[in-house]
Amino acid sequence: MIRYELPEDNDNYKESIADFKRKINHLSLMLETTQDISKLREEHVERLEHQLKDMTREKFIFVN
């Protein structure tokens, strides 16, 4: 069995909890930012694919 001893100093314990909450919030914001970046990247790739299709179509029309 693993035992975890809580610190006797209640103020330090509360500070530790507050620190963990700050870290969790920070990581949550980083995750949201990463997801936003991924979404923007996908949209950009889709836009470039459409532009490439349009350019290919225009080139085909120009050649024929």
PDB file of N, CA and C in Angstrom:
ATOM      1  N   MET A   1       0.842  -1.171   0.000  1.00  0.00           N
ATOM      2  CA  MET A   1       0.000   0.000   0.000  1.00  0.00           C
ATOM      3  C   MET A   1       0.895   1.245   0.000  1.00  0.00           C
ATOM      4  N   ILE A   2       0.518   2.198  -0.805  1.00  0.00           N
ATOM      5  CA  ILE A   2       1.267   3.451  -0.870  1.00  0.00           C
ATOM      6  C   ILE A   2       0.554   4.478  -0.009  1.00  0.00           C
ATOM      7  N   ARG A   3       1.319   5.114   0.842  1.00  0.00           N
ATOM      8  CA  ARG A   3       0.751   6.166   1.689  1.00  0.00           C
ATOM      9  C   ARG A   3       1.272   7.512   1.237  1.00  0.00           C
ATOM     10  N   TYR A   4       0.402   8.444   1.259  1.00  0.00           N
ATOM     11  CA  TYR A   4       0.799   9.808   0.931  1.00  0.00           C
ATOM     12  C   TYR A   4       0.532  10.673   2.143  1.00  0.00           C
ATOM     13  N   GLU A   5       1.565  11.244   2.661  1.00  0.00           N
ATOM     14  CA  GLU A   5       1.438  12.096   3.841  1.00  0.00           C
ATOM     15  C   GLU A   5       1.165  13.529   3.400  1.00  0.00           C
ATOM     16  N   LEU A   6       0.082  14.065   3.868  1.00  0.00           N
ATOM     17  CA  LEU A   6      -0.218  15.463   3.585  1.00  0.00           C
ATOM     18  C   LEU A   6       0.663  16.343   4.454  1.00  0.00           C
ATOM     19  N   PRO A   7       1.097  17.453   3.907  1.00  0.00           N
ATOM     20  CA  PRO A   7       1.921  18.348   4.723  1.00  0.00           C
ATOM     21  C   PRO A   7       1.134  18.857   5.926  1.00  0.00           C
ATOM     22  N   GLU A   8       1.819  18.979   7.025  1.00  0.00           N
ATOM     23  CA  GLU A   8       1.149  19.467   8.228  1.00  0.00           C
ATOM     24  C   GLU A   8       0.860  20.955   8.138  1.00  0.00           C
ATOM     25  N   ASP A   9       1.679  21.652   7.393  1.00  0.00           N
ATOM     26  CA  ASP A   9       1.486  23.089   7.231  1.00  0.00           C
ATOM     27  C   ASP A   9       0.356  23.305   6.228  1.00  0.00           C
ATOM     28  N   ASN A  10      -0.797  23.680   6.724  1.00  0.00           N
ATOM     29  CA  ASN A  10      -1.981  23.820   5.894  1.00  0.00           C
ATOM     30  C   ASN A  10      -1.811  24.900   4.825  1.00  0.00           C
ATOM     31  N   ASP A  11      -1.083  25.972   5.123  1.00  0.00           N
ATOM     32  CA  ASP A  11      -0.877  27.046   4.147  1.00  0.00           C
ATOM     33  C   ASP A  11      -0.070  26.554   2.946  1.00  0.00           C
ATOM     34  N   ASN A  12       0.964  25.779   3.204  1.00  0.00           N
ATOM     35  CA  ASN A  12       1.751  25.225   2.096  1.00  0.00           C
ATOM     36  C   ASN A  12       0.913  24.283   1.247  1.00  0.00           C
ATOM     37  N   TYR A  13       0.060  23.525   1.890  1.00  0.00           N
ATOM     38  CA  TYR A  13      -0.816  22.606   1.174  1.00  0.00           C
ATOM     39  C   TYR A  13      -1.742  23.389   0.247  1.00  0.00           C
ATOM     40  N   LYS A  14      -2.320  24.475   0.761  1.00  0.00           N
ATOM     41  CA  LYS A  14      -3.209  25.305  -0.058  1.00  0.00           C
ATOM     42  C   LYS A  14      -2.442  25.952  -1.206  1.00  0.00           C
ATOM     43  N   GLU A  15      -1.209  26.380  -0.941  1.00  0.00           N
ATOM     44  CA  GLU A  15      -0.381  26.964  -2.003  1.00  0.00           C
ATOM     45  C   GLU A  15      -0.063  25.928  -3.072  1.00  0.00           C
ATOM     46  N   SER A  16       0.184  24.704  -2.652  1.00  0.00           N
ATOM     47  CA  SER A  16       0.469  23.639  -3.616  1.00  0.00           C
ATOM     48  C   SER A  16      -0.742  23.378  -4.501  1.00  0.00           C
ATOM     49  N   ILE A  17      -1.909  23.337  -3.894  1.00  0.00           N
ATOM     50  CA  ILE A  17      -3.137  23.131  -4.665  1.00  0.00           C
ATOM     51  C   ILE A  17      -3.339  24.282  -5.642  1.00  0.00           C
ATOM     52  N   ALA A  18      -3.139  25.505  -5.182  1.00  0.00           N
ATOM     53  CA  ALA A  18      -3.284  26.674  -6.056  1.00  0.00           C
ATOM     54  C   ALA A  18      -2.271  26.615  -7.198  1.00  0.00           C
ATOM     55  N   ASP A  19      -1.056  26.179  -6.897  1.00  0.00           N
ATOM     56  CA  ASP A  19      -0.026  26.055  -7.930  1.00  0.00           C
ATOM     57  C   ASP A  19      -0.423  25.006  -8.964  1.00  0.00           C
ATOM     58  N   PHE A  20      -0.944  23.863  -8.507  1.00  0.00           N
ATOM     59  CA  PHE A  20      -1.401  22.829  -9.433  1.00  0.00           C
ATOM     60  C   PHE A  20      -2.539  23.346 -10.303  1.00  0.00           C
ATOM     61  N   LYS A  21      -3.456  24.094  -9.714  1.00  0.00           N
ATOM     62  CA  LYS A  21      -4.564  24.655 -10.494  1.00  0.00           C
ATOM     63  C   LYS A  21      -4.045  25.609 -11.563  1.00  0.00           C
ATOM     64  N   ARG A  22      -3.070  26.443 -11.217  1.00  0.00           N
ATOM     65  CA  ARG A  22      -2.473  27.360 -12.203  1.00  0.00           C
ATOM     66  C   ARG A  22      -1.819  26.572 -13.339  1.00  0.00           C
ATOM     67  N   LYS A  23      -1.105  25.519 -12.980  1.00  0.00           N
ATOM     68  CA  LYS A  23      -0.444  24.705 -14.004  1.00  0.00           C
ATOM     69  C   LYS A  23      -1.465  24.024 -14.909  1.00  0.00           C
ATOM     70  N   ILE A  24      -2.539  23.518 -14.318  1.00  0.00           N
ATOM     71  CA  ILE A  24      -3.587  22.870 -15.105  1.00  0.00           C
ATOM     72  C   ILE A  24      -4.235  23.875 -16.048  1.00  0.00           C
ATOM     73  N   ASN A  25      -4.525  25.077 -15.552  1.00  0.00           N
ATOM     74  CA  ASN A  25      -5.111  26.107 -16.407  1.00  0.00           C
ATOM     75  C   ASN A  25      -4.167  26.476 -17.547  1.00  0.00           C
ATOM     76  N   HIS A  26      -2.886  26.595 -17.234  1.00  0.00           N
ATOM     77  CA  HIS A  26      -1.896  26.930 -18.258  1.00  0.00           C
ATOM     78  C   HIS A  26      -1.843  25.843 -19.333  1.00  0.00           C
ATOM     79  N   LEU A  27      -1.810  24.583 -18.907  1.00  0.00           N
ATOM     80  CA  LEU A  27      -1.776  23.480 -19.865  1.00  0.00           C
ATOM     81  C   LEU A  27      -3.053  23.424 -20.692  1.00  0.00           C
ATOM     82  N   SER A  28      -4.172  23.737 -20.066  1.00  0.00           N
ATOM     83  CA  SER A  28      -5.438  23.768 -20.786  1.00  0.00           C
ATOM     84  C   SER A  28      -5.421  24.837 -21.874  1.00  0.00           C
ATOM     85  N   LEU A  29      -4.897  26.017 -21.543  1.00  0.00           N
ATOM     86  CA  LEU A  29      -4.787  27.087 -22.541  1.00  0.00           C
ATOM     87  C   LEU A  29      -3.836  26.696 -23.668  1.00  0.00           C
ATOM     88  N   MET A  30      -2.745  26.033 -23.313  1.00  0.00           N
ATOM     89  CA  MET A  30      -1.803  25.587 -24.340  1.00  0.00           C
ATOM     90  C   MET A  30      -2.464  24.575 -25.269  1.00  0.00           C
ATOM     91  N   LEU A  31      -3.261  23.675 -24.711  1.00  0.00           N
ATOM     92  CA  LEU A  31      -3.961  22.679 -25.518  1.00  0.00           C
ATOM     93  C   LEU A  31      -4.948  23.351 -26.459  1.00  0.00           C
ATOM     94  N   GLU A  32      -5.710  24.321 -25.948  1.00  0.00           N
ATOM     95  CA  GLU A  32      -6.651  25.053 -26.794  1.00  0.00           C
ATOM     96  C   GLU A  32      -5.918  25.776 -27.913  1.00  0.00           C
ATOM     97  N   THR A  33      -4.790  26.387 -27.591  1.00  0.00           N
ATOM     98  CA  THR A  33      -4.002  27.092 -28.602  1.00  0.00           C
ATOM     99  C   THR A  33      -3.506  26.118 -29.661  1.00  0.00           C
ATOM    100  N   THR A  34      -3.037  24.958 -29.224  1.00  0.00           N
ATOM    101  CA  THR A  34      -2.559  23.942 -30.163  1.00  0.00           C
ATOM    102  C   THR A  34      -3.686  23.482 -31.072  1.00  0.00           C
ATOM    103  N   GLN A  35      -4.877  23.289 -30.505  1.00  0.00           N
ATOM    104  CA  GLN A  35      -6.022  22.882 -31.311  1.00  0.00           C
ATOM    105  C   GLN A  35      -6.409  23.975 -32.297  1.00  0.00           C
ATOM    106  N   ASP A  36      -6.357  25.236 -31.859  1.00  0.00           N
ATOM    107  CA  ASP A  36      -6.659  26.353 -32.752  1.00  0.00           C
ATOM    108  C   ASP A  36      -5.659  26.408 -33.904  1.00  0.00           C
ATOM    109  N   ILE A  37      -4.391  26.210 -33.599  1.00  0.00           N
ATOM    110  CA  ILE A  37      -3.356  26.216 -34.636  1.00  0.00           C
ATOM    111  C   ILE A  37      -3.592  25.082 -35.626  1.00  0.00           C
ATOM    112  N   SER A  38      -3.947  23.912 -35.130  1.00  0.00           N
ATOM    113  CA  SER A  38      -4.215  22.774 -36.011  1.00  0.00           C
ATOM    114  C   SER A  38      -5.395  23.067 -36.928  1.00  0.00           C
ATOM    115  N   LYS A  39      -6.429  23.677 -36.374  1.00  0.00           N
ATOM    116  CA  LYS A  39      -7.603  24.019 -37.175  1.00  0.00           C
ATOM    117  C   LYS A  39      -7.239  25.036 -38.255  1.00  0.00           C
ATOM    118  N   LEU A  40      -6.475  26.058 -37.893  1.00  0.00           N
ATOM    119  CA  LEU A  40      -6.043  27.055 -38.876  1.00  0.00           C
ATOM    120  C   LEU A  40      -5.180  26.413 -39.960  1.00  0.00           C
ATOM    121  N   ARG A  41      -4.322  25.501 -39.558  1.00  0.00           N
ATOM    122  CA  ARG A  41      -3.464  24.811 -40.525  1.00  0.00           C
ATOM    123  C   ARG A  41      -4.319  24.012 -41.508  1.00  0.00           C
ATOM    124  N   GLU A  42      -5.323  23.302 -41.011  1.00  0.00           N
ATOM    125  CA  GLU A  42      -6.206  22.531 -41.884  1.00  0.00           C
ATOM    126  C   GLU A  42      -6.932  23.445 -42.863  1.00  0.00           C
ATOM    127  N   GLU A  43      -7.434  24.574 -42.367  1.00  0.00           N
ATOM    128  CA  GLU A  43      -8.132  25.518 -43.236  1.00  0.00           C
ATOM    129  C   GLU A  43      -7.189  26.066 -44.301  1.00  0.00           C
ATOM    130  N   HIS A  44      -5.963  26.362 -43.915  1.00  0.00           N
ATOM    131  CA  HIS A  44      -4.982  26.891 -44.861  1.00  0.00           C
ATOM    132  C   HIS A  44      -4.659  25.852 -45.938  1.00  0.00           C
ATOM    133  N   VAL A  45      -4.491  24.602 -45.532  1.00  0.00           N
ATOM    134  CA  VAL A  45      -4.203  23.534 -46.489  1.00  0.00           C
ATOM    135  C   VAL A  45      -5.372  23.379 -47.460  1.00  0.00           C
ATOM    136  N   GLU A  46      -6.598  23.416 -46.953  1.00  0.00           N
ATOM    137  CA  GLU A  46      -7.768  23.311 -47.827  1.00  0.00           C
ATOM    138  C   GLU A  46      -7.803  24.461 -48.832  1.00  0.00           C
ATOM    139  N   ARG A  47      -7.508  25.664 -48.352  1.00  0.00           N
ATOM    140  CA  ARG A  47      -7.504  26.829 -49.233  1.00  0.00           C
ATOM    141  C   ARG A  47      -6.452  26.672 -50.328  1.00  0.00           C
ATOM    142  N   LEU A  48      -5.265  26.196 -49.951  1.00  0.00           N
ATOM    143  CA  LEU A  48      -4.200  25.988 -50.935  1.00  0.00           C
ATOM    144  C   LEU A  48      -4.569  24.898 -51.941  1.00  0.00           C
ATOM    145  N   GLU A  49      -5.240  23.858 -51.472  1.00  0.00           N
ATOM    146  CA  GLU A  49      -5.679  22.799 -52.386  1.00  0.00           C
ATOM    147  C   GLU A  49      -6.661  23.350 -53.410  1.00  0.00           C
ATOM    148  N   HIS A  50      -7.591  24.193 -52.959  1.00  0.00           N
ATOM    149  CA  HIS A  50      -8.557  24.797 -53.884  1.00  0.00           C
ATOM    150  C   HIS A  50      -7.852  25.710 -54.884  1.00  0.00           C
ATOM    151  N   GLN A  51      -6.886  26.476 -54.410  1.00  0.00           N
ATOM    152  CA  GLN A  51      -6.134  27.351 -55.313  1.00  0.00           C
ATOM    153  C   GLN A  51      -5.376  26.531 -56.353  1.00  0.00           C
ATOM    154  N   LEU A  52      -4.795  25.431 -55.922  1.00  0.00           N
ATOM    155  CA  LEU A  52      -4.062  24.576 -56.846  1.00  0.00           C
ATOM    156  C   LEU A  52      -5.000  23.990 -57.897  1.00  0.00           C
ATOM    157  N   LYS A  53      -6.176  23.545 -57.474  1.00  0.00           N
ATOM    158  CA  LYS A  53      -7.157  23.019 -58.427  1.00  0.00           C
ATOM    159  C   LYS A  53      -7.556  24.091 -59.428  1.00  0.00           C
ATOM    160  N   ASP A  54      -7.791  25.304 -58.930  1.00  0.00           N
ATOM    161  CA  ASP A  54      -8.161  26.405 -59.824  1.00  0.00           C
ATOM    162  C   ASP A  54      -7.040  26.703 -60.813  1.00  0.00           C
ATOM    163  N   MET A  55      -5.808  26.729 -60.334  1.00  0.00           N
ATOM    164  CA  MET A  55      -4.671  27.005 -61.217  1.00  0.00           C
ATOM    165  C   MET A  55      -4.519  25.909 -62.267  1.00  0.00           C
ATOM    166  N   THR A  56      -4.718  24.662 -61.853  1.00  0.00           N
ATOM    167  CA  THR A  56      -4.614  23.540 -62.782  1.00  0.00           C
ATOM    168  C   THR A  56      -5.708  23.647 -63.834  1.00  0.00           C
ATOM    169  N   ARG A  57      -6.897  23.988 -63.410  1.00  0.00           N
ATOM    170  CA  ARG A  57      -8.022  24.139 -64.320  1.00  0.00           C
ATOM    171  C   ARG A  57      -7.745  25.275 -65.315  1.00  0.00           C
ATOM    172  N   GLU A  58      -7.235  26.397 -64.824  1.00  0.00           N
ATOM    173  CA  GLU A  58      -6.926  27.530 -65.692  1.00  0.00           C
ATOM    174  C   GLU A  58      -5.833  27.168 -66.691  1.00  0.00           C
ATOM    175  N   LYS A  59      -4.833  26.439 -66.238  1.00  0.00           N
ATOM    176  CA  LYS A  59      -3.751  26.033 -67.128  1.00  0.00           C
ATOM    177  C   LYS A  59      -4.282  25.097 -68.199  1.00  0.00           C
ATOM    178  N   PHE A  60      -5.153  24.204 -67.804  1.00  0.00           N
ATOM    179  CA  PHE A  60      -5.732  23.264 -68.754  1.00  0.00           C
ATOM    180  C   PHE A  60      -6.540  24.019 -69.812  1.00  0.00           C
ATOM    181  N   ILE A  61      -7.324  24.979 -69.400  1.00  0.00           N
ATOM    182  CA  ILE A  61      -8.134  25.775 -70.325  1.00  0.00           C
ATOM    183  C   ILE A  61      -7.217  26.586 -71.242  1.00  0.00           C
ATOM    184  N   PHE A  62      -6.167  27.162 -70.691  1.00  0.00           N
ATOM    185  CA  PHE A  62      -5.247  27.983 -71.477  1.00  0.00           C
ATOM    186  C   PHE A  62      -4.536  27.144 -72.540  1.00  0.00           C
ATOM    187  N   VAL A  63      -4.125  25.930 -72.187  1.00  0.00           N
ATOM    188  CA  VAL A  63      -3.392  25.069 -73.116  1.00  0.00           C
ATOM    189  C   VAL A  63      -4.313  24.578 -74.217  1.00  0.00           C
ATOM    190  N   ASN A  64      -5.532  24.254 -73.883  1.00  0.00           N
ATOM    191  CA  ASN A  64      -6.463  23.732 -74.887  1.00  0.00           C
ATOM    192  C   ASN A  64      -7.080  24.876 -75.584  1.00  0.00           C
TER     193      ASN A  64
END
